[in-house]
Amino acid sequence: MKLFTTAKISPVGKVNANDLKKWGMNILVFSAPVLIVFFGQLAKGVPVQEAWPITLIALYGALVDLFRKFSSGK
């Protein structure tokens, strides 16, 4: 149980460096499949104007995760 008592959680309204590192890793993990689909569409000849909206999914997920970390401090 010592793990739970020594964990550093940022207070509400602030994000510490550890939270930012976790956020960066989440961006890499969860946006990679979306970017694979995006570049796959480009490779098949889909114009960029029609393919770029898929990247909004990755952006939306990253922003949601950041705001969740920002507001869920203890």
PDB file of N, CA and C in Angstrom:
ATOM      1  N   MET A   1       0.801  -1.199   0.000  1.00  0.00           N
ATOM      2  CA  MET A   1       0.000   0.000   0.000  1.00  0.00           C
ATOM      3  C   MET A   1       0.848   1.269   0.000  1.00  0.00           C
ATOM      4  N   LYS A   2       2.142   1.130   0.193  1.00  0.00           N
ATOM      5  CA  LYS A   2       2.995   2.302   0.203  1.00  0.00           C
ATOM      6  C   LYS A   2       3.022   2.986  -1.163  1.00  0.00           C
ATOM      7  N   LEU A   3       2.755   2.243  -2.207  1.00  0.00           N
ATOM      8  CA  LEU A   3       2.716   2.804  -3.548  1.00  0.00           C
ATOM      9  C   LEU A   3       1.697   3.931  -3.636  1.00  0.00           C
ATOM     10  N   PHE A   4       0.551   3.741  -3.026  1.00  0.00           N
ATOM     11  CA  PHE A   4      -0.498   4.742  -3.102  1.00  0.00           C
ATOM     12  C   PHE A   4      -0.193   5.972  -2.261  1.00  0.00           C
ATOM     13  N   THR A   5       0.558   5.828  -1.217  1.00  0.00           N
ATOM     14  CA  THR A   5       0.855   6.974  -0.360  1.00  0.00           C
ATOM     15  C   THR A   5       2.010   7.805  -0.891  1.00  0.00           C
ATOM     16  N   THR A   6       2.883   7.208  -1.698  1.00  0.00           N
ATOM     17  CA  THR A   6       4.031   7.953  -2.192  1.00  0.00           C
ATOM     18  C   THR A   6       3.835   8.485  -3.607  1.00  0.00           C
ATOM     19  N   ALA A   7       2.710   8.178  -4.224  1.00  0.00           N
ATOM     20  CA  ALA A   7       2.463   8.664  -5.581  1.00  0.00           C
ATOM     21  C   ALA A   7       2.273  10.170  -5.557  1.00  0.00           C
ATOM     22  N   LYS A   8       2.891  10.839  -6.517  1.00  0.00           N
ATOM     23  CA  LYS A   8       2.774  12.290  -6.583  1.00  0.00           C
ATOM     24  C   LYS A   8       1.690  12.647  -7.595  1.00  0.00           C
ATOM     25  N   ILE A   9       0.605  13.171  -7.090  1.00  0.00           N
ATOM     26  CA  ILE A   9      -0.513  13.570  -7.928  1.00  0.00           C
ATOM     27  C   ILE A   9      -0.581  15.087  -7.904  1.00  0.00           C
ATOM     28  N   SER A  10      -0.732  15.658  -9.069  1.00  0.00           N
ATOM     29  CA  SER A  10      -0.781  17.111  -9.139  1.00  0.00           C
ATOM     30  C   SER A  10      -2.100  17.617  -8.568  1.00  0.00           C
ATOM     31  N   PRO A  11      -2.083  18.782  -7.946  1.00  0.00           N
ATOM     32  CA  PRO A  11      -3.329  19.348  -7.418  1.00  0.00           C
ATOM     33  C   PRO A  11      -4.245  19.776  -8.560  1.00  0.00           C
ATOM     34  N   VAL A  12      -5.508  19.959  -8.223  1.00  0.00           N
ATOM     35  CA  VAL A  12      -6.484  20.382  -9.223  1.00  0.00           C
ATOM     36  C   VAL A  12      -6.054  21.729  -9.800  1.00  0.00           C
ATOM     37  N   GLY A  13      -6.103  21.860 -11.100  1.00  0.00           N
ATOM     38  CA  GLY A  13      -5.746  23.110 -11.750  1.00  0.00           C
ATOM     39  C   GLY A  13      -4.282  23.230 -12.111  1.00  0.00           C
ATOM     40  N   LYS A  14      -3.486  22.219 -11.796  1.00  0.00           N
ATOM     41  CA  LYS A  14      -2.062  22.235 -12.124  1.00  0.00           C
ATOM     42  C   LYS A  14      -1.672  20.871 -12.664  1.00  0.00           C
ATOM     43  N   VAL A  15      -0.683  20.857 -13.518  1.00  0.00           N
ATOM     44  CA  VAL A  15      -0.180  19.601 -14.067  1.00  0.00           C
ATOM     45  C   VAL A  15       1.321  19.561 -13.811  1.00  0.00           C
ATOM     46  N   ASN A  16       1.774  18.514 -13.113  1.00  0.00           N
ATOM     47  CA  ASN A  16       3.202  18.422 -12.827  1.00  0.00           C
ATOM     48  C   ASN A  16       3.939  17.739 -13.974  1.00  0.00           C
ATOM     49  N   ALA A  17       5.237  17.658 -13.874  1.00  0.00           N
ATOM     50  CA  ALA A  17       6.067  17.100 -14.948  1.00  0.00           C
ATOM     51  C   ALA A  17       5.763  15.634 -15.195  1.00  0.00           C
ATOM     52  N   ASN A  18       5.472  14.890 -14.132  1.00  0.00           N
ATOM     53  CA  ASN A  18       5.158  13.473 -14.290  1.00  0.00           C
ATOM     54  C   ASN A  18       3.864  13.293 -15.091  1.00  0.00           C
ATOM     55  N   ASP A  19       2.875  14.123 -14.840  1.00  0.00           N
ATOM     56  CA  ASP A  19       1.630  14.067 -15.605  1.00  0.00           C
ATOM     57  C   ASP A  19       1.871  14.408 -17.070  1.00  0.00           C
ATOM     58  N   LEU A  20       2.748  15.357 -17.336  1.00  0.00           N
ATOM     59  CA  LEU A  20       3.048  15.715 -18.725  1.00  0.00           C
ATOM     60  C   LEU A  20       3.760  14.581 -19.455  1.00  0.00           C
ATOM     61  N   LYS A  21       4.632  13.866 -18.750  1.00  0.00           N
ATOM     62  CA  LYS A  21       5.303  12.714 -19.361  1.00  0.00           C
ATOM     63  C   LYS A  21       4.286  11.630 -19.707  1.00  0.00           C
ATOM     64  N   LYS A  22       3.360  11.372 -18.784  1.00  0.00           N
ATOM     65  CA  LYS A  22       2.323  10.377 -19.047  1.00  0.00           C
ATOM     66  C   LYS A  22       1.438  10.819 -20.210  1.00  0.00           C
ATOM     67  N   TRP A  23       1.143  12.098 -20.278  1.00  0.00           N
ATOM     68  CA  TRP A  23       0.326  12.625 -21.372  1.00  0.00           C
ATOM     69  C   TRP A  23       1.047  12.444 -22.710  1.00  0.00           C
ATOM     70  N   GLY A  24       2.338  12.719 -22.728  1.00  0.00           N
ATOM     71  CA  GLY A  24       3.122  12.529 -23.955  1.00  0.00           C
ATOM     72  C   GLY A  24       3.138  11.075 -24.407  1.00  0.00           C
ATOM     73  N   MET A  25       3.263  10.152 -23.468  1.00  0.00           N
ATOM     74  CA  MET A  25       3.228   8.737 -23.818  1.00  0.00           C
ATOM     75  C   MET A  25       1.850   8.340 -24.342  1.00  0.00           C
ATOM     76  N   ASN A  26       0.799   8.881 -23.744  1.00  0.00           N
ATOM     77  CA  ASN A  26      -0.551   8.588 -24.222  1.00  0.00           C
ATOM     78  C   ASN A  26      -0.749   9.101 -25.644  1.00  0.00           C
ATOM     79  N   ILE A  27      -0.188  10.260 -25.945  1.00  0.00           N
ATOM     80  CA  ILE A  27      -0.286  10.781 -27.311  1.00  0.00           C
ATOM     81  C   ILE A  27       0.371   9.812 -28.290  1.00  0.00           C
ATOM     82  N   LEU A  28       1.557   9.335 -27.945  1.00  0.00           N
ATOM     83  CA  LEU A  28       2.259   8.401 -28.832  1.00  0.00           C
ATOM     84  C   LEU A  28       1.479   7.103 -29.021  1.00  0.00           C
ATOM     85  N   VAL A  29       0.948   6.571 -27.930  1.00  0.00           N
ATOM     86  CA  VAL A  29       0.273   5.280 -27.990  1.00  0.00           C
ATOM     87  C   VAL A  29      -1.062   5.364 -28.717  1.00  0.00           C
ATOM     88  N   PHE A  30      -1.863   6.370 -28.400  1.00  0.00           N
ATOM     89  CA  PHE A  30      -3.221   6.397 -28.911  1.00  0.00           C
ATOM     90  C   PHE A  30      -3.383   7.147 -30.230  1.00  0.00           C
ATOM     91  N   SER A  31      -2.414   7.960 -30.599  1.00  0.00           N
ATOM     92  CA  SER A  31      -2.548   8.646 -31.886  1.00  0.00           C
ATOM     93  C   SER A  31      -1.848   7.885 -33.014  1.00  0.00           C
ATOM     94  N   ALA A  32      -1.017   6.926 -32.679  1.00  0.00           N
ATOM     95  CA  ALA A  32      -0.318   6.164 -33.719  1.00  0.00           C
ATOM     96  C   ALA A  32      -1.270   5.438 -34.674  1.00  0.00           C
ATOM     97  N   PRO A  33      -2.305   4.738 -34.193  1.00  0.00           N
ATOM     98  CA  PRO A  33      -3.218   4.090 -35.141  1.00  0.00           C
ATOM     99  C   PRO A  33      -3.943   5.081 -36.048  1.00  0.00           C
ATOM    100  N   VAL A  34      -4.305   6.228 -35.512  1.00  0.00           N
ATOM    101  CA  VAL A  34      -4.988   7.239 -36.318  1.00  0.00           C
ATOM    102  C   VAL A  34      -4.059   7.765 -37.401  1.00  0.00           C
ATOM    103  N   LEU A  35      -2.807   8.001 -37.042  1.00  0.00           N
ATOM    104  CA  LEU A  35      -1.848   8.492 -38.034  1.00  0.00           C
ATOM    105  C   LEU A  35      -1.530   7.430 -39.088  1.00  0.00           C
ATOM    106  N   ILE A  36      -1.555   6.161 -38.694  1.00  0.00           N
ATOM    107  CA  ILE A  36      -1.351   5.093 -39.669  1.00  0.00           C
ATOM    108  C   ILE A  36      -2.475   5.102 -40.698  1.00  0.00           C
ATOM    109  N   VAL A  37      -3.708   5.283 -40.232  1.00  0.00           N
ATOM    110  CA  VAL A  37      -4.843   5.356 -41.156  1.00  0.00           C
ATOM    111  C   VAL A  37      -4.712   6.577 -42.061  1.00  0.00           C
ATOM    112  N   PHE A  38      -4.316   7.709 -41.486  1.00  0.00           N
ATOM    113  CA  PHE A  38      -4.162   8.941 -42.263  1.00  0.00           C
ATOM    114  C   PHE A  38      -3.130   8.760 -43.377  1.00  0.00           C
ATOM    115  N   PHE A  39      -1.955   8.254 -43.024  1.00  0.00           N
ATOM    116  CA  PHE A  39      -0.913   8.077 -44.034  1.00  0.00           C
ATOM    117  C   PHE A  39      -1.265   6.963 -45.011  1.00  0.00           C
ATOM    118  N   GLY A  40      -2.035   5.976 -44.561  1.00  0.00           N
ATOM    119  CA  GLY A  40      -2.515   4.945 -45.464  1.00  0.00           C
ATOM    120  C   GLY A  40      -3.457   5.503 -46.516  1.00  0.00           C
ATOM    121  N   GLN A  41      -4.310   6.439 -46.086  1.00  0.00           N
ATOM    122  CA  GLN A  41      -5.199   7.093 -47.044  1.00  0.00           C
ATOM    123  C   GLN A  41      -4.404   7.907 -48.057  1.00  0.00           C
ATOM    124  N   LEU A  42      -3.397   8.608 -47.576  1.00  0.00           N
ATOM    125  CA  LEU A  42      -2.566   9.386 -48.496  1.00  0.00           C
ATOM    126  C   LEU A  42      -1.840   8.480 -49.484  1.00  0.00           C
ATOM    127  N   ALA A  43      -1.390   7.326 -49.007  1.00  0.00           N
ATOM    128  CA  ALA A  43      -0.686   6.394 -49.884  1.00  0.00           C
ATOM    129  C   ALA A  43      -1.609   5.821 -50.967  1.00  0.00           C
ATOM    130  N   LYS A  44      -2.899   5.745 -50.666  1.00  0.00           N
ATOM    131  CA  LYS A  44      -3.863   5.224 -51.647  1.00  0.00           C
ATOM    132  C   LYS A  44      -4.319   6.293 -52.625  1.00  0.00           C
ATOM    133  N   GLY A  45      -3.848   7.512 -52.439  1.00  0.00           N
ATOM    134  CA  GLY A  45      -4.170   8.568 -53.382  1.00  0.00           C
ATOM    135  C   GLY A  45      -5.303   9.485 -52.966  1.00  0.00           C
ATOM    136  N   VAL A  46      -5.762   9.377 -51.722  1.00  0.00           N
ATOM    137  CA  VAL A  46      -6.809  10.273 -51.234  1.00  0.00           C
ATOM    138  C   VAL A  46      -6.196  11.660 -51.055  1.00  0.00           C
ATOM    139  N   PRO A  47      -6.848  12.707 -51.534  1.00  0.00           N
ATOM    140  CA  PRO A  47      -6.300  14.058 -51.353  1.00  0.00           C
ATOM    141  C   PRO A  47      -6.232  14.445 -49.866  1.00  0.00           C
ATOM    142  N   VAL A  48      -5.274  15.271 -49.539  1.00  0.00           N
ATOM    143  CA  VAL A  48      -5.080  15.703 -48.147  1.00  0.00           C
ATOM    144  C   VAL A  48      -6.330  16.398 -47.624  1.00  0.00           C
ATOM    145  N   GLN A  49      -7.022  17.146 -48.470  1.00  0.00           N
ATOM    146  CA  GLN A  49      -8.222  17.859 -48.045  1.00  0.00           C
ATOM    147  C   GLN A  49      -9.314  16.895 -47.574  1.00  0.00           C
ATOM    148  N   GLU A  50      -9.334  15.687 -48.084  1.00  0.00           N
ATOM    149  CA  GLU A  50     -10.320  14.699 -47.668  1.00  0.00           C
ATOM    150  C   GLU A  50      -9.803  13.788 -46.560  1.00  0.00           C
ATOM    151  N   ALA A  51      -8.495  13.680 -46.384  1.00  0.00           N
ATOM    152  CA  ALA A  51      -7.918  12.745 -45.419  1.00  0.00           C
ATOM    153  C   ALA A  51      -7.633  13.380 -44.065  1.00  0.00           C
ATOM    154  N   TRP A  52      -7.461  14.685 -43.993  1.00  0.00           N
ATOM    155  CA  TRP A  52      -7.029  15.294 -42.735  1.00  0.00           C
ATOM    156  C   TRP A  52      -8.056  15.219 -41.611  1.00  0.00           C
ATOM    157  N   PRO A  53      -9.378  15.148 -41.859  1.00  0.00           N
ATOM    158  CA  PRO A  53     -10.307  15.092 -40.717  1.00  0.00           C
ATOM    159  C   PRO A  53     -10.084  13.902 -39.793  1.00  0.00           C
ATOM    160  N   ILE A  54      -9.494  12.826 -40.261  1.00  0.00           N
ATOM    161  CA  ILE A  54      -9.220  11.681 -39.396  1.00  0.00           C
ATOM    162  C   ILE A  54      -8.224  12.054 -38.295  1.00  0.00           C
ATOM    163  N   THR A  55      -7.359  13.017 -38.567  1.00  0.00           N
ATOM    164  CA  THR A  55      -6.390  13.430 -37.550  1.00  0.00           C
ATOM    165  C   THR A  55      -7.047  14.205 -36.414  1.00  0.00           C
ATOM    166  N   LEU A  56      -8.252  14.706 -36.635  1.00  0.00           N
ATOM    167  CA  LEU A  56      -8.971  15.392 -35.562  1.00  0.00           C
ATOM    168  C   LEU A  56      -9.302  14.440 -34.415  1.00  0.00           C
ATOM    169  N   ILE A  57      -9.454  13.167 -34.732  1.00  0.00           N
ATOM    170  CA  ILE A  57      -9.712  12.182 -33.681  1.00  0.00           C
ATOM    171  C   ILE A  57      -8.533  12.119 -32.718  1.00  0.00           C
ATOM    172  N   ALA A  58      -7.321  12.108 -33.250  1.00  0.00           N
ATOM    173  CA  ALA A  58      -6.123  12.068 -32.404  1.00  0.00           C
ATOM    174  C   ALA A  58      -5.990  13.354 -31.600  1.00  0.00           C
ATOM    175  N   LEU A  59      -6.263  14.496 -32.227  1.00  0.00           N
ATOM    176  CA  LEU A  59      -6.185  15.777 -31.521  1.00  0.00           C
ATOM    177  C   LEU A  59      -7.222  15.844 -30.407  1.00  0.00           C
ATOM    178  N   TYR A  60      -8.435  15.416 -30.701  1.00  0.00           N
ATOM    179  CA  TYR A  60      -9.494  15.419 -29.691  1.00  0.00           C
ATOM    180  C   TYR A  60      -9.112  14.538 -28.507  1.00  0.00           C
ATOM    181  N   GLY A  61      -8.596  13.340 -28.777  1.00  0.00           N
ATOM    182  CA  GLY A  61      -8.186  12.442 -27.700  1.00  0.00           C
ATOM    183  C   GLY A  61      -7.079  13.020 -26.843  1.00  0.00           C
ATOM    184  N   ALA A  62      -6.118  13.696 -27.471  1.00  0.00           N
ATOM    185  CA  ALA A  62      -5.014  14.304 -26.718  1.00  0.00           C
ATOM    186  C   ALA A  62      -5.517  15.436 -25.827  1.00  0.00           C
ATOM    187  N   LEU A  63      -6.414  16.257 -26.358  1.00  0.00           N
ATOM    188  CA  LEU A  63      -6.945  17.363 -25.557  1.00  0.00           C
ATOM    189  C   LEU A  63      -7.802  16.867 -24.401  1.00  0.00           C
ATOM    190  N   VAL A  64      -8.598  15.849 -24.637  1.00  0.00           N
ATOM    191  CA  VAL A  64      -9.421  15.284 -23.565  1.00  0.00           C
ATOM    192  C   VAL A  64      -8.540  14.736 -22.459  1.00  0.00           C
ATOM    193  N   ASP A  65      -7.484  14.035 -22.828  1.00  0.00           N
ATOM    194  CA  ASP A  65      -6.580  13.466 -21.834  1.00  0.00           C
ATOM    195  C   ASP A  65      -5.885  14.566 -21.034  1.00  0.00           C
ATOM    196  N   LEU A  66      -5.454  15.624 -21.701  1.00  0.00           N
ATOM    197  CA  LEU A  66      -4.794  16.722 -20.988  1.00  0.00           C
ATOM    198  C   LEU A  66      -5.758  17.407 -20.026  1.00  0.00           C
ATOM    199  N   PHE A  67      -6.967  17.687 -20.461  1.00  0.00           N
ATOM    200  CA  PHE A  67      -7.939  18.333 -19.575  1.00  0.00           C
ATOM    201  C   PHE A  67      -8.339  17.420 -18.417  1.00  0.00           C
ATOM    202  N   ARG A  68      -8.372  16.112 -18.667  1.00  0.00           N
ATOM    203  CA  ARG A  68      -8.677  15.177 -17.589  1.00  0.00           C
ATOM    204  C   ARG A  68      -7.567  15.203 -16.541  1.00  0.00           C
ATOM    205  N   LYS A  69      -6.318  15.234 -16.968  1.00  0.00           N
ATOM    206  CA  LYS A  69      -5.199  15.309 -16.033  1.00  0.00           C
ATOM    207  C   LYS A  69      -5.204  16.643 -15.281  1.00  0.00           C
ATOM    208  N   PHE A  70      -5.600  17.695 -15.969  1.00  0.00           N
ATOM    209  CA  PHE A  70      -5.629  19.030 -15.369  1.00  0.00           C
ATOM    210  C   PHE A  70      -6.701  19.142 -14.288  1.00  0.00           C
ATOM    211  N   SER A  71      -7.837  18.481 -14.483  1.00  0.00           N
ATOM    212  CA  SER A  71      -8.945  18.652 -13.563  1.00  0.00           C
ATOM    213  C   SER A  71      -9.110  17.535 -12.535  1.00  0.00           C
ATOM    214  N   SER A  72      -8.331  16.472 -12.651  1.00  0.00           N
ATOM    215  CA  SER A  72      -8.541  15.349 -11.738  1.00  0.00           C
ATOM    216  C   SER A  72      -7.498  15.269 -10.632  1.00  0.00           C
ATOM    217  N   GLY A  73      -6.874  16.351 -10.291  1.00  0.00           N
ATOM    218  CA  GLY A  73      -5.865  16.335  -9.220  1.00  0.00           C
ATOM    219  C   GLY A  73      -6.494  16.054  -7.864  1.00  0.00           C
ATOM    220  N   LYS A  74      -5.645  15.737  -6.913  1.00  0.00           N
ATOM    221  CA  LYS A  74      -6.153  15.422  -5.570  1.00  0.00           C
ATOM    222  C   LYS A  74      -5.369  16.158  -4.533  1.00  0.00           C
TER     223      LYS A  74
END
